[in-house]
Amino acid sequence: MFSTLVLIHVSVIDWLLLDESLYLGGLSGAILTVFGLIIFNKVKGVENKMLKKKKLEDDLEIGERDGERAAERDGERDGERAAESDDEIVAL
C-alpha cells in the first residue's frame, strides 16, 4: 500500500541524516504532490462507495424482477392445476 506521507518522511530523513539540501521548489512540489494524491484517494473512495451502492440497488431490482417472474410462473401453474382438477371433477 502506498502511503503519501512516506515522501515527506524520506525528505526529512535525508535532510537530517545525510545532510541533503532542501530547496523550496522541491519541498513545495512534494507537498502539492502529496495533497494531490490524498485528494485523489478520497475521491476514488467516494466513487467506489457510490458504485457499490448502485450495484446493490441493481442487484435488488433484478432480484425483485426475478421474484415477480417466478410468482407469475407459479400463478400460471396453479391455474393449470385448477383447470385439471375441474376436468377431473366433471369426468367423475
N, C-alpha and C. Protein backbone atom coordinates (compact mmCIF):
# COMPACT_ATOMS: atom_id res chain seq x y z
N MET A 1 0.84 -1.18 0.00
CA MET A 1 0.00 0.00 0.00
C MET A 1 0.88 1.24 0.00
N PHE A 2 0.52 2.20 -0.78
CA PHE A 2 1.31 3.42 -0.91
C PHE A 2 0.83 4.44 0.10
N SER A 3 1.74 4.94 0.90
CA SER A 3 1.42 5.99 1.86
C SER A 3 2.02 7.30 1.36
N THR A 4 1.20 8.30 1.25
CA THR A 4 1.67 9.57 0.70
C THR A 4 2.62 10.29 1.64
N LEU A 5 2.56 10.01 2.92
CA LEU A 5 3.44 10.68 3.88
C LEU A 5 4.86 10.14 3.83
N VAL A 6 5.06 9.01 3.21
CA VAL A 6 6.41 8.44 3.09
C VAL A 6 7.32 9.42 2.34
N LEU A 7 6.79 10.11 1.35
CA LEU A 7 7.60 11.07 0.59
C LEU A 7 8.17 12.16 1.50
N ILE A 8 7.34 12.66 2.37
CA ILE A 8 7.79 13.72 3.28
C ILE A 8 8.78 13.16 4.30
N HIS A 9 8.50 11.98 4.84
CA HIS A 9 9.41 11.37 5.81
C HIS A 9 10.79 11.13 5.20
N VAL A 10 10.83 10.65 3.99
CA VAL A 10 12.11 10.40 3.33
C VAL A 10 12.88 11.70 3.13
N SER A 11 12.20 12.75 2.75
CA SER A 11 12.87 14.05 2.56
C SER A 11 13.44 14.57 3.87
N VAL A 12 12.68 14.45 4.96
CA VAL A 12 13.16 14.92 6.26
C VAL A 12 14.34 14.07 6.73
N ILE A 13 14.26 12.76 6.57
CA ILE A 13 15.36 11.88 6.98
C ILE A 13 16.62 12.17 6.16
N ASP A 14 16.46 12.39 4.86
CA ASP A 14 17.61 12.77 4.02
C ASP A 14 18.25 14.05 4.53
N TRP A 15 17.43 15.00 4.88
CA TRP A 15 17.93 16.29 5.36
C TRP A 15 18.65 16.15 6.70
N LEU A 16 18.07 15.35 7.61
CA LEU A 16 18.66 15.21 8.94
C LEU A 16 19.90 14.32 8.94
N LEU A 17 19.80 13.15 8.35
CA LEU A 17 20.87 12.16 8.46
C LEU A 17 21.95 12.30 7.39
N LEU A 18 21.55 12.61 6.19
CA LEU A 18 22.50 12.64 5.08
C LEU A 18 22.94 14.05 4.70
N ASP A 19 22.43 15.02 5.43
CA ASP A 19 22.79 16.42 5.20
C ASP A 19 22.48 16.87 3.76
N GLU A 20 21.35 16.40 3.24
CA GLU A 20 20.89 16.82 1.91
C GLU A 20 20.33 18.24 1.99
N SER A 21 20.43 18.96 0.92
CA SER A 21 19.86 20.31 0.88
C SER A 21 18.39 20.23 0.50
N LEU A 22 17.59 20.99 1.19
CA LEU A 22 16.17 21.10 0.84
C LEU A 22 15.94 22.43 0.14
N TYR A 23 15.34 22.36 -1.02
CA TYR A 23 15.03 23.57 -1.76
C TYR A 23 13.54 23.83 -1.70
N LEU A 24 13.21 25.11 -1.74
CA LEU A 24 11.80 25.49 -1.61
C LEU A 24 10.97 24.90 -2.75
N GLY A 25 11.49 24.87 -3.94
CA GLY A 25 10.76 24.32 -5.09
C GLY A 25 10.49 22.84 -4.94
N GLY A 26 11.49 22.11 -4.51
CA GLY A 26 11.33 20.66 -4.31
C GLY A 26 10.37 20.35 -3.18
N LEU A 27 10.48 21.14 -2.09
CA LEU A 27 9.61 20.93 -0.94
C LEU A 27 8.16 21.26 -1.27
N SER A 28 7.93 22.39 -1.95
CA SER A 28 6.55 22.76 -2.31
C SER A 28 5.98 21.77 -3.34
N GLY A 29 6.81 21.29 -4.24
CA GLY A 29 6.35 20.30 -5.21
C GLY A 29 5.96 18.99 -4.54
N ALA A 30 6.74 18.59 -3.55
CA ALA A 30 6.42 17.36 -2.81
C ALA A 30 5.12 17.52 -2.04
N ILE A 31 4.92 18.68 -1.42
CA ILE A 31 3.68 18.92 -0.66
C ILE A 31 2.48 18.93 -1.60
N LEU A 32 2.61 19.58 -2.74
CA LEU A 32 1.50 19.59 -3.71
C LEU A 32 1.20 18.18 -4.22
N THR A 33 2.24 17.41 -4.45
CA THR A 33 2.05 16.03 -4.90
C THR A 33 1.33 15.21 -3.85
N VAL A 34 1.71 15.36 -2.60
CA VAL A 34 1.07 14.62 -1.51
C VAL A 34 -0.40 15.01 -1.40
N PHE A 35 -0.69 16.31 -1.41
CA PHE A 35 -2.09 16.73 -1.33
C PHE A 35 -2.90 16.26 -2.53
N GLY A 36 -2.29 16.26 -3.70
CA GLY A 36 -2.99 15.76 -4.88
C GLY A 36 -3.32 14.28 -4.76
N LEU A 37 -2.39 13.50 -4.24
CA LEU A 37 -2.63 12.07 -4.05
C LEU A 37 -3.69 11.82 -2.98
N ILE A 38 -3.67 12.63 -1.92
CA ILE A 38 -4.69 12.48 -0.87
C ILE A 38 -6.07 12.78 -1.43
N ILE A 39 -6.19 13.86 -2.18
CA ILE A 39 -7.48 14.22 -2.78
C ILE A 39 -7.94 13.14 -3.74
N PHE A 40 -7.02 12.63 -4.56
CA PHE A 40 -7.37 11.56 -5.50
C PHE A 40 -7.90 10.34 -4.76
N ASN A 41 -7.23 9.93 -3.68
CA ASN A 41 -7.66 8.76 -2.92
C ASN A 41 -9.02 8.98 -2.28
N LYS A 42 -9.27 10.17 -1.77
CA LYS A 42 -10.58 10.47 -1.16
C LYS A 42 -11.69 10.37 -2.21
N VAL A 43 -11.47 11.00 -3.36
CA VAL A 43 -12.48 10.98 -4.42
C VAL A 43 -12.70 9.56 -4.92
N LYS A 44 -11.63 8.80 -5.06
CA LYS A 44 -11.75 7.42 -5.52
C LYS A 44 -12.54 6.58 -4.51
N GLY A 45 -12.34 6.82 -3.22
CA GLY A 45 -13.10 6.11 -2.20
C GLY A 45 -14.58 6.42 -2.27
N VAL A 46 -14.92 7.70 -2.48
CA VAL A 46 -16.32 8.10 -2.61
C VAL A 46 -16.93 7.46 -3.85
N GLU A 47 -16.17 7.45 -4.94
CA GLU A 47 -16.65 6.84 -6.18
C GLU A 47 -16.90 5.34 -6.00
N ASN A 48 -16.01 4.66 -5.31
CA ASN A 48 -16.19 3.22 -5.06
C ASN A 48 -17.43 2.95 -4.21
N LYS A 49 -17.68 3.79 -3.21
CA LYS A 49 -18.88 3.63 -2.39
C LYS A 49 -20.14 3.80 -3.23
N MET A 50 -20.12 4.80 -4.13
CA MET A 50 -21.29 5.03 -4.98
C MET A 50 -21.51 3.86 -5.92
N LEU A 51 -20.43 3.30 -6.48
CA LEU A 51 -20.56 2.16 -7.38
C LEU A 51 -21.09 0.94 -6.66
N LYS A 52 -20.62 0.70 -5.42
CA LYS A 52 -21.12 -0.43 -4.64
C LYS A 52 -22.60 -0.27 -4.33
N LYS A 53 -23.00 0.96 -3.98
CA LYS A 53 -24.41 1.22 -3.68
C LYS A 53 -25.27 1.00 -4.92
N LYS A 54 -24.81 1.49 -6.07
CA LYS A 54 -25.57 1.31 -7.31
C LYS A 54 -25.66 -0.16 -7.68
N LYS A 55 -24.57 -0.91 -7.51
CA LYS A 55 -24.59 -2.33 -7.83
C LYS A 55 -25.57 -3.06 -6.91
N LEU A 56 -25.58 -2.70 -5.64
CA LEU A 56 -26.51 -3.32 -4.70
C LEU A 56 -27.96 -3.03 -5.09
N GLU A 57 -28.23 -1.77 -5.47
CA GLU A 57 -29.59 -1.42 -5.90
C GLU A 57 -29.98 -2.18 -7.16
N ASP A 58 -29.04 -2.30 -8.10
CA ASP A 58 -29.32 -3.05 -9.33
C ASP A 58 -29.59 -4.52 -9.03
N ASP A 59 -28.79 -5.09 -8.12
CA ASP A 59 -28.99 -6.50 -7.76
C ASP A 59 -30.35 -6.70 -7.10
N LEU A 60 -30.76 -5.75 -6.26
CA LEU A 60 -32.07 -5.86 -5.62
C LEU A 60 -33.19 -5.75 -6.65
N GLU A 61 -33.01 -4.83 -7.60
CA GLU A 61 -34.02 -4.66 -8.65
C GLU A 61 -34.13 -5.92 -9.50
N ILE A 62 -33.01 -6.51 -9.84
CA ILE A 62 -33.02 -7.74 -10.63
C ILE A 62 -33.68 -8.86 -9.84
N GLY A 63 -33.38 -8.93 -8.53
CA GLY A 63 -33.99 -9.95 -7.69
C GLY A 63 -35.50 -9.78 -7.60
N GLU A 64 -35.96 -8.54 -7.53
CA GLU A 64 -37.40 -8.29 -7.48
C GLU A 64 -38.06 -8.72 -8.79
N ARG A 65 -37.41 -8.39 -9.90
CA ARG A 65 -37.97 -8.77 -11.19
C ARG A 65 -38.02 -10.29 -11.32
N ASP A 66 -36.96 -10.97 -10.89
CA ASP A 66 -36.95 -12.43 -10.94
C ASP A 66 -38.02 -13.01 -10.04
N GLY A 67 -38.23 -12.39 -8.88
CA GLY A 67 -39.28 -12.84 -7.96
C GLY A 67 -40.66 -12.68 -8.56
N GLU A 68 -40.88 -11.57 -9.27
CA GLU A 68 -42.17 -11.35 -9.93
C GLU A 68 -42.39 -12.38 -11.03
N ARG A 69 -41.35 -12.68 -11.78
CA ARG A 69 -41.48 -13.68 -12.85
C ARG A 69 -41.78 -15.05 -12.27
N ALA A 70 -41.11 -15.38 -11.17
CA ALA A 70 -41.35 -16.68 -10.53
C ALA A 70 -42.78 -16.74 -10.02
N ALA A 71 -43.28 -15.65 -9.46
CA ALA A 71 -44.66 -15.63 -8.96
C ALA A 71 -45.65 -15.78 -10.12
N GLU A 72 -45.33 -15.15 -11.24
CA GLU A 72 -46.21 -15.29 -12.42
C GLU A 72 -46.22 -16.74 -12.90
N ARG A 73 -45.05 -17.37 -12.94
CA ARG A 73 -44.99 -18.77 -13.37
C ARG A 73 -45.76 -19.67 -12.40
N ASP A 74 -45.60 -19.41 -11.09
CA ASP A 74 -46.32 -20.20 -10.11
C ASP A 74 -47.82 -20.00 -10.25
N GLY A 75 -48.23 -18.76 -10.54
CA GLY A 75 -49.65 -18.47 -10.73
C GLY A 75 -50.21 -19.20 -11.95
N GLU A 76 -49.42 -19.23 -13.01
CA GLU A 76 -49.85 -19.94 -14.21
C GLU A 76 -49.98 -21.43 -13.94
N ARG A 77 -49.03 -21.99 -13.21
CA ARG A 77 -49.09 -23.42 -12.88
C ARG A 77 -50.29 -23.73 -12.00
N ASP A 78 -50.56 -22.84 -11.02
CA ASP A 78 -51.72 -23.05 -10.16
C ASP A 78 -53.01 -23.01 -10.97
N GLY A 79 -53.05 -22.10 -11.95
CA GLY A 79 -54.22 -22.02 -12.81
C GLY A 79 -54.40 -23.27 -13.63
N GLU A 80 -53.30 -23.83 -14.14
CA GLU A 80 -53.38 -25.07 -14.92
C GLU A 80 -53.83 -26.23 -14.03
N ARG A 81 -53.32 -26.28 -12.80
CA ARG A 81 -53.72 -27.34 -11.88
C ARG A 81 -55.20 -27.24 -11.53
N ALA A 82 -55.66 -26.00 -11.34
CA ALA A 82 -57.09 -25.83 -11.02
C ALA A 82 -57.95 -26.28 -12.18
N ALA A 83 -57.51 -25.96 -13.42
CA ALA A 83 -58.27 -26.38 -14.59
C ALA A 83 -58.28 -27.91 -14.71
N GLU A 84 -57.16 -28.53 -14.42
CA GLU A 84 -57.09 -30.00 -14.47
C GLU A 84 -57.99 -30.64 -13.42
N SER A 85 -58.01 -30.07 -12.23
CA SER A 85 -58.86 -30.64 -11.18
C SER A 85 -60.34 -30.44 -11.53
N ASP A 86 -60.71 -29.34 -12.17
CA ASP A 86 -62.09 -29.15 -12.62
C ASP A 86 -62.47 -30.19 -13.66
N ASP A 87 -61.54 -30.48 -14.55
CA ASP A 87 -61.81 -31.51 -15.58
C ASP A 87 -62.00 -32.87 -14.93
N GLU A 88 -61.24 -33.18 -13.88
CA GLU A 88 -61.39 -34.47 -13.20
C GLU A 88 -62.74 -34.55 -12.50
N ILE A 89 -63.17 -33.44 -11.90
CA ILE A 89 -64.47 -33.44 -11.20
C ILE A 89 -65.59 -33.67 -12.20
N VAL A 90 -65.51 -33.03 -13.36
CA VAL A 90 -66.55 -33.20 -14.38
C VAL A 90 -66.54 -34.62 -14.90
N ALA A 91 -65.38 -35.22 -15.03
CA ALA A 91 -65.27 -36.57 -15.57
C ALA A 91 -65.85 -37.61 -14.63
N LEU A 92 -65.85 -37.37 -13.35
CA LEU A 92 -66.36 -38.34 -12.37
C LEU A 92 -67.84 -38.38 -12.52
